Amino acid sequence: MEGSSGKGYAWVISAGFNAAFAAVAAKFLLSPVIRYGLVVFFNVIMWGCYVNSLKALSSLQATVTNFATNFLTSGLAGFFLFEELLSFKWFAGAMIIVIGVLILSKSSVEKREKKD
């Protein structure tokens, strides 16, 4: 069960990265057809990864982890690629999100172990 959970997290983190790539692709100054094509492409990949993650994780774990990965990756991409400012509040919120995901993941694993 532990191996499938690890694969589930790999799939859902990949989904979060692809969602962030879609957001980054929407900001590039390319022709509208290429830009929207990249957004659709990354979103299709994201949904495929997300659906695969649901085979090993609960929908709550997958959704929260996908959101957290997307949020962190999009924010950092904005900072590094587009020179957007990230405030202290953003970093505080990001830390709270990461802590929440870790707590959720640990509590879900403990509940599964008690059932077995």
N, C-alpha and C. Protein backbone atom coordinates (compact mmCIF):
# COMPACT_ATOMS: atom_id res chain seq x y z
N MET A 1 0.82 -1.19 0.00
CA MET A 1 0.00 0.00 0.00
C MET A 1 0.86 1.25 0.00
N GLU A 2 2.01 1.16 0.67
CA GLU A 2 2.90 2.32 0.76
C GLU A 2 3.41 2.72 -0.62
N GLY A 3 3.75 1.73 -1.46
CA GLY A 3 4.26 2.02 -2.79
C GLY A 3 3.22 2.70 -3.66
N SER A 4 1.98 2.25 -3.56
CA SER A 4 0.93 2.87 -4.39
C SER A 4 0.64 4.29 -3.92
N SER A 5 0.76 4.55 -2.63
CA SER A 5 0.58 5.91 -2.12
C SER A 5 1.67 6.84 -2.64
N GLY A 6 2.90 6.33 -2.69
CA GLY A 6 4.01 7.12 -3.23
C GLY A 6 3.81 7.44 -4.69
N LYS A 7 3.33 6.45 -5.45
CA LYS A 7 3.04 6.69 -6.86
C LYS A 7 1.90 7.68 -7.00
N GLY A 8 0.93 7.60 -6.11
CA GLY A 8 -0.18 8.54 -6.16
C GLY A 8 0.29 9.97 -5.95
N TYR A 9 1.20 10.16 -5.01
CA TYR A 9 1.73 11.51 -4.78
C TYR A 9 2.58 11.97 -5.95
N ALA A 10 3.31 11.05 -6.58
CA ALA A 10 4.09 11.44 -7.76
C ALA A 10 3.15 11.90 -8.87
N TRP A 11 2.05 11.19 -9.07
CA TRP A 11 1.07 11.59 -10.10
C TRP A 11 0.44 12.93 -9.78
N VAL A 12 0.05 13.14 -8.53
CA VAL A 12 -0.66 14.38 -8.20
C VAL A 12 0.28 15.58 -8.20
N ILE A 13 1.53 15.39 -7.83
CA ILE A 13 2.50 16.50 -7.90
C ILE A 13 2.77 16.85 -9.36
N SER A 14 2.85 15.82 -10.20
CA SER A 14 3.00 16.07 -11.64
C SER A 14 1.79 16.83 -12.18
N ALA A 15 0.61 16.50 -11.69
CA ALA A 15 -0.60 17.23 -12.10
C ALA A 15 -0.50 18.70 -11.70
N GLY A 16 -0.04 18.95 -10.50
CA GLY A 16 0.11 20.33 -10.04
C GLY A 16 1.12 21.12 -10.86
N PHE A 17 2.22 20.46 -11.22
CA PHE A 17 3.22 21.13 -12.07
C PHE A 17 2.63 21.47 -13.44
N ASN A 18 1.89 20.52 -14.01
CA ASN A 18 1.30 20.77 -15.33
C ASN A 18 0.26 21.87 -15.29
N ALA A 19 -0.49 21.96 -14.20
CA ALA A 19 -1.44 23.07 -14.06
C ALA A 19 -0.70 24.40 -14.01
N ALA A 20 0.42 24.42 -13.32
CA ALA A 20 1.23 25.65 -13.26
C ALA A 20 1.84 25.97 -14.62
N PHE A 21 2.26 24.94 -15.34
CA PHE A 21 2.81 25.17 -16.68
C PHE A 21 1.75 25.78 -17.59
N ALA A 22 0.50 25.36 -17.42
CA ALA A 22 -0.59 25.95 -18.22
C ALA A 22 -0.73 27.44 -17.90
N ALA A 23 -0.63 27.79 -16.63
CA ALA A 23 -0.73 29.20 -16.25
C ALA A 23 0.44 30.00 -16.81
N VAL A 24 1.63 29.42 -16.78
CA VAL A 24 2.81 30.10 -17.32
C VAL A 24 2.67 30.26 -18.84
N ALA A 25 2.20 29.21 -19.51
CA ALA A 25 2.04 29.27 -20.96
C ALA A 25 1.05 30.37 -21.36
N ALA A 26 0.05 30.61 -20.54
CA ALA A 26 -0.95 31.65 -20.85
C ALA A 26 -0.34 33.05 -20.78
N LYS A 27 0.76 33.20 -20.07
CA LYS A 27 1.37 34.53 -19.91
C LYS A 27 2.42 34.85 -20.96
N PHE A 28 2.91 33.84 -21.66
CA PHE A 28 3.95 34.11 -22.66
C PHE A 28 3.37 34.86 -23.84
N LEU A 29 4.19 35.71 -24.42
CA LEU A 29 3.77 36.53 -25.56
C LEU A 29 3.96 35.74 -26.86
N LEU A 30 3.16 34.75 -27.04
CA LEU A 30 3.17 33.95 -28.25
C LEU A 30 1.90 34.26 -29.03
N SER A 31 1.78 33.69 -30.19
CA SER A 31 0.53 33.87 -30.93
C SER A 31 -0.60 33.23 -30.13
N PRO A 32 -1.79 33.78 -30.22
CA PRO A 32 -2.91 33.24 -29.42
C PRO A 32 -3.18 31.76 -29.67
N VAL A 33 -3.01 31.29 -30.88
CA VAL A 33 -3.26 29.88 -31.18
C VAL A 33 -2.27 29.00 -30.43
N ILE A 34 -0.99 29.35 -30.46
CA ILE A 34 0.03 28.56 -29.76
C ILE A 34 -0.19 28.64 -28.26
N ARG A 35 -0.48 29.83 -27.76
CA ARG A 35 -0.68 30.02 -26.32
C ARG A 35 -1.84 29.16 -25.83
N TYR A 36 -3.00 29.24 -26.49
CA TYR A 36 -4.16 28.45 -26.06
C TYR A 36 -3.93 26.96 -26.28
N GLY A 37 -3.19 26.63 -27.34
CA GLY A 37 -2.85 25.23 -27.55
C GLY A 37 -2.02 24.67 -26.42
N LEU A 38 -1.04 25.44 -25.95
CA LEU A 38 -0.22 25.00 -24.82
C LEU A 38 -1.04 24.89 -23.54
N VAL A 39 -1.94 25.83 -23.33
CA VAL A 39 -2.80 25.78 -22.13
C VAL A 39 -3.65 24.51 -22.16
N VAL A 40 -4.26 24.21 -23.29
CA VAL A 40 -5.08 23.00 -23.41
C VAL A 40 -4.20 21.76 -23.23
N PHE A 41 -3.04 21.74 -23.87
CA PHE A 41 -2.13 20.61 -23.76
C PHE A 41 -1.76 20.32 -22.31
N PHE A 42 -1.31 21.35 -21.59
CA PHE A 42 -0.89 21.14 -20.19
C PHE A 42 -2.08 20.77 -19.31
N ASN A 43 -3.26 21.30 -19.59
CA ASN A 43 -4.43 20.93 -18.79
C ASN A 43 -4.87 19.49 -19.04
N VAL A 44 -4.77 19.03 -20.26
CA VAL A 44 -5.10 17.63 -20.55
C VAL A 44 -4.13 16.70 -19.83
N ILE A 45 -2.84 17.04 -19.86
CA ILE A 45 -1.84 16.23 -19.13
C ILE A 45 -2.13 16.27 -17.63
N MET A 46 -2.47 17.47 -17.13
CA MET A 46 -2.76 17.62 -15.71
C MET A 46 -3.93 16.71 -15.31
N TRP A 47 -4.99 16.71 -16.08
CA TRP A 47 -6.15 15.87 -15.74
C TRP A 47 -5.80 14.39 -15.80
N GLY A 48 -4.99 13.99 -16.76
CA GLY A 48 -4.56 12.60 -16.83
C GLY A 48 -3.77 12.19 -15.59
N CYS A 49 -2.85 13.04 -15.19
CA CYS A 49 -2.06 12.76 -13.98
C CYS A 49 -2.95 12.74 -12.74
N TYR A 50 -3.89 13.68 -12.66
CA TYR A 50 -4.78 13.77 -11.51
C TYR A 50 -5.64 12.50 -11.40
N VAL A 51 -6.20 12.05 -12.52
CA VAL A 51 -7.03 10.84 -12.51
C VAL A 51 -6.20 9.64 -12.07
N ASN A 52 -4.97 9.54 -12.56
CA ASN A 52 -4.10 8.43 -12.13
C ASN A 52 -3.79 8.50 -10.64
N SER A 53 -3.67 9.71 -10.09
CA SER A 53 -3.39 9.83 -8.65
C SER A 53 -4.56 9.33 -7.81
N LEU A 54 -5.77 9.43 -8.36
CA LEU A 54 -6.94 8.99 -7.61
C LEU A 54 -7.00 7.47 -7.43
N LYS A 55 -6.19 6.74 -8.18
CA LYS A 55 -6.13 5.29 -8.01
C LYS A 55 -5.44 4.90 -6.71
N ALA A 56 -4.60 5.81 -6.17
CA ALA A 56 -3.84 5.49 -4.96
C ALA A 56 -4.17 6.40 -3.79
N LEU A 57 -4.77 7.56 -4.05
CA LEU A 57 -5.05 8.53 -2.98
C LEU A 57 -6.53 8.80 -2.90
N SER A 58 -6.95 9.32 -1.76
CA SER A 58 -8.33 9.78 -1.65
C SER A 58 -8.50 11.05 -2.47
N SER A 59 -9.73 11.37 -2.80
CA SER A 59 -9.96 12.59 -3.59
C SER A 59 -9.53 13.82 -2.81
N LEU A 60 -9.68 13.81 -1.50
CA LEU A 60 -9.26 14.95 -0.68
C LEU A 60 -7.74 15.12 -0.73
N GLN A 61 -7.00 14.03 -0.54
CA GLN A 61 -5.54 14.11 -0.60
C GLN A 61 -5.08 14.60 -1.97
N ALA A 62 -5.66 14.06 -3.02
CA ALA A 62 -5.25 14.43 -4.38
C ALA A 62 -5.57 15.89 -4.67
N THR A 63 -6.75 16.33 -4.29
CA THR A 63 -7.15 17.71 -4.58
C THR A 63 -6.29 18.72 -3.83
N VAL A 64 -6.07 18.48 -2.56
CA VAL A 64 -5.29 19.41 -1.74
C VAL A 64 -3.83 19.44 -2.19
N THR A 65 -3.27 18.28 -2.48
CA THR A 65 -1.88 18.24 -2.92
C THR A 65 -1.71 18.89 -4.30
N ASN A 66 -2.67 18.65 -5.19
CA ASN A 66 -2.65 19.28 -6.51
C ASN A 66 -2.71 20.80 -6.38
N PHE A 67 -3.62 21.28 -5.53
CA PHE A 67 -3.75 22.73 -5.32
C PHE A 67 -2.46 23.32 -4.76
N ALA A 68 -1.89 22.66 -3.77
CA ALA A 68 -0.68 23.18 -3.14
C ALA A 68 0.49 23.23 -4.13
N THR A 69 0.66 22.16 -4.90
CA THR A 69 1.75 22.14 -5.88
C THR A 69 1.55 23.22 -6.93
N ASN A 70 0.32 23.35 -7.42
CA ASN A 70 0.01 24.37 -8.42
C ASN A 70 0.26 25.77 -7.86
N PHE A 71 -0.21 26.03 -6.65
CA PHE A 71 -0.06 27.34 -6.03
C PHE A 71 1.42 27.71 -5.85
N LEU A 72 2.19 26.79 -5.29
CA LEU A 72 3.61 27.07 -5.05
C LEU A 72 4.38 27.22 -6.35
N THR A 73 4.14 26.33 -7.29
CA THR A 73 4.86 26.39 -8.57
C THR A 73 4.49 27.63 -9.36
N SER A 74 3.22 27.99 -9.39
CA SER A 74 2.79 29.20 -10.11
C SER A 74 3.39 30.45 -9.49
N GLY A 75 3.39 30.52 -8.17
CA GLY A 75 3.97 31.67 -7.50
C GLY A 75 5.46 31.81 -7.75
N LEU A 76 6.18 30.70 -7.64
CA LEU A 76 7.62 30.74 -7.86
C LEU A 76 7.96 31.00 -9.34
N ALA A 77 7.15 30.46 -10.23
CA ALA A 77 7.37 30.74 -11.66
C ALA A 77 7.14 32.22 -11.95
N GLY A 78 6.12 32.80 -11.34
CA GLY A 78 5.88 34.23 -11.52
C GLY A 78 7.04 35.06 -11.00
N PHE A 79 7.61 34.64 -9.90
CA PHE A 79 8.74 35.37 -9.32
C PHE A 79 9.98 35.27 -10.22
N PHE A 80 10.31 34.04 -10.64
CA PHE A 80 11.54 33.84 -11.40
C PHE A 80 11.42 34.21 -12.88
N LEU A 81 10.28 33.92 -13.49
CA LEU A 81 10.15 34.16 -14.93
C LEU A 81 9.61 35.55 -15.28
N PHE A 82 8.72 36.07 -14.43
CA PHE A 82 8.05 37.33 -14.77
C PHE A 82 8.35 38.46 -13.78
N GLU A 83 9.28 38.19 -12.86
CA GLU A 83 9.72 39.18 -11.88
C GLU A 83 8.57 39.77 -11.06
N GLU A 84 7.59 38.93 -10.75
CA GLU A 84 6.49 39.36 -9.89
C GLU A 84 6.97 39.34 -8.44
N LEU A 85 6.46 40.25 -7.65
CA LEU A 85 6.84 40.31 -6.24
C LEU A 85 6.01 39.33 -5.43
N LEU A 86 6.67 38.68 -4.48
CA LEU A 86 5.98 37.79 -3.55
C LEU A 86 6.14 38.38 -2.16
N SER A 87 5.02 38.68 -1.54
CA SER A 87 5.06 39.33 -0.23
C SER A 87 5.29 38.30 0.88
N PHE A 88 5.52 38.83 2.06
CA PHE A 88 5.66 37.98 3.24
C PHE A 88 4.38 37.18 3.46
N LYS A 89 3.23 37.80 3.18
CA LYS A 89 1.94 37.10 3.34
C LYS A 89 1.87 35.89 2.42
N TRP A 90 2.40 36.03 1.20
CA TRP A 90 2.38 34.90 0.27
C TRP A 90 3.20 33.75 0.84
N PHE A 91 4.41 34.05 1.33
CA PHE A 91 5.26 33.00 1.90
C PHE A 91 4.64 32.39 3.15
N ALA A 92 4.01 33.21 3.98
CA ALA A 92 3.33 32.69 5.17
C ALA A 92 2.18 31.77 4.77
N GLY A 93 1.40 32.19 3.80
CA GLY A 93 0.30 31.36 3.31
C GLY A 93 0.80 30.06 2.69
N ALA A 94 1.88 30.15 1.93
CA ALA A 94 2.45 28.96 1.31
C ALA A 94 2.92 27.97 2.38
N MET A 95 3.53 28.49 3.44
CA MET A 95 3.99 27.62 4.52
C MET A 95 2.81 26.94 5.21
N ILE A 96 1.75 27.68 5.43
CA ILE A 96 0.55 27.10 6.06
C ILE A 96 -0.06 26.03 5.17
N ILE A 97 -0.08 26.27 3.87
CA ILE A 97 -0.61 25.27 2.94
C ILE A 97 0.23 23.99 2.99
N VAL A 98 1.54 24.13 2.96
CA VAL A 98 2.42 22.95 3.00
C VAL A 98 2.24 22.19 4.30
N ILE A 99 2.16 22.89 5.42
CA ILE A 99 1.94 22.23 6.71
C ILE A 99 0.61 21.50 6.71
N GLY A 100 -0.41 22.14 6.16
CA GLY A 100 -1.73 21.50 6.08
C GLY A 100 -1.71 20.24 5.24
N VAL A 101 -1.02 20.27 4.11
CA VAL A 101 -0.91 19.08 3.26
C VAL A 101 -0.18 17.96 3.99
N LEU A 102 0.89 18.30 4.71
CA LEU A 102 1.63 17.28 5.45
C LEU A 102 0.77 16.67 6.55
N ILE A 103 0.02 17.48 7.27
CA ILE A 103 -0.86 16.97 8.32
C ILE A 103 -1.93 16.07 7.73
N LEU A 104 -2.53 16.52 6.64
CA LEU A 104 -3.57 15.73 5.98
C LEU A 104 -3.01 14.39 5.50
N SER A 105 -1.85 14.40 4.90
CA SER A 105 -1.25 13.17 4.40
C SER A 105 -0.94 12.21 5.53
N LYS A 106 -0.37 12.72 6.61
CA LYS A 106 -0.02 11.87 7.75
C LYS A 106 -1.27 11.30 8.42
N SER A 107 -2.30 12.11 8.60
CA SER A 107 -3.51 11.62 9.26
C SER A 107 -4.22 10.59 8.40
N SER A 108 -4.19 10.75 7.09
CA SER A 108 -4.84 9.78 6.21
C SER A 108 -4.10 8.45 6.24
N VAL A 109 -2.78 8.47 6.33
CA VAL A 109 -2.00 7.23 6.41
C VAL A 109 -2.27 6.53 7.73
N GLU A 110 -2.34 7.28 8.82
CA GLU A 110 -2.60 6.68 10.12
C GLU A 110 -3.99 6.04 10.16
N LYS A 111 -4.99 6.66 9.55
CA LYS A 111 -6.33 6.08 9.53
C LYS A 111 -6.35 4.79 8.75
N ARG A 112 -5.62 4.72 7.64
CA ARG A 112 -5.55 3.49 6.84
C ARG A 112 -4.90 2.37 7.64
N GLU A 113 -3.82 2.70 8.37
CA GLU A 113 -3.13 1.67 9.14
C GLU A 113 -4.03 1.11 10.24
N LYS A 114 -4.86 1.94 10.85
CA LYS A 114 -5.76 1.47 11.91
C LYS A 114 -6.83 0.55 11.34
N LYS A 115 -7.26 0.78 10.10
CA LYS A 115 -8.27 -0.07 9.48
C LYS A 115 -7.73 -1.44 9.14
N ASP A 116 -6.43 -1.53 8.79
CA ASP A 116 -5.84 -2.81 8.36
C ASP A 116 -5.62 -3.75 9.49
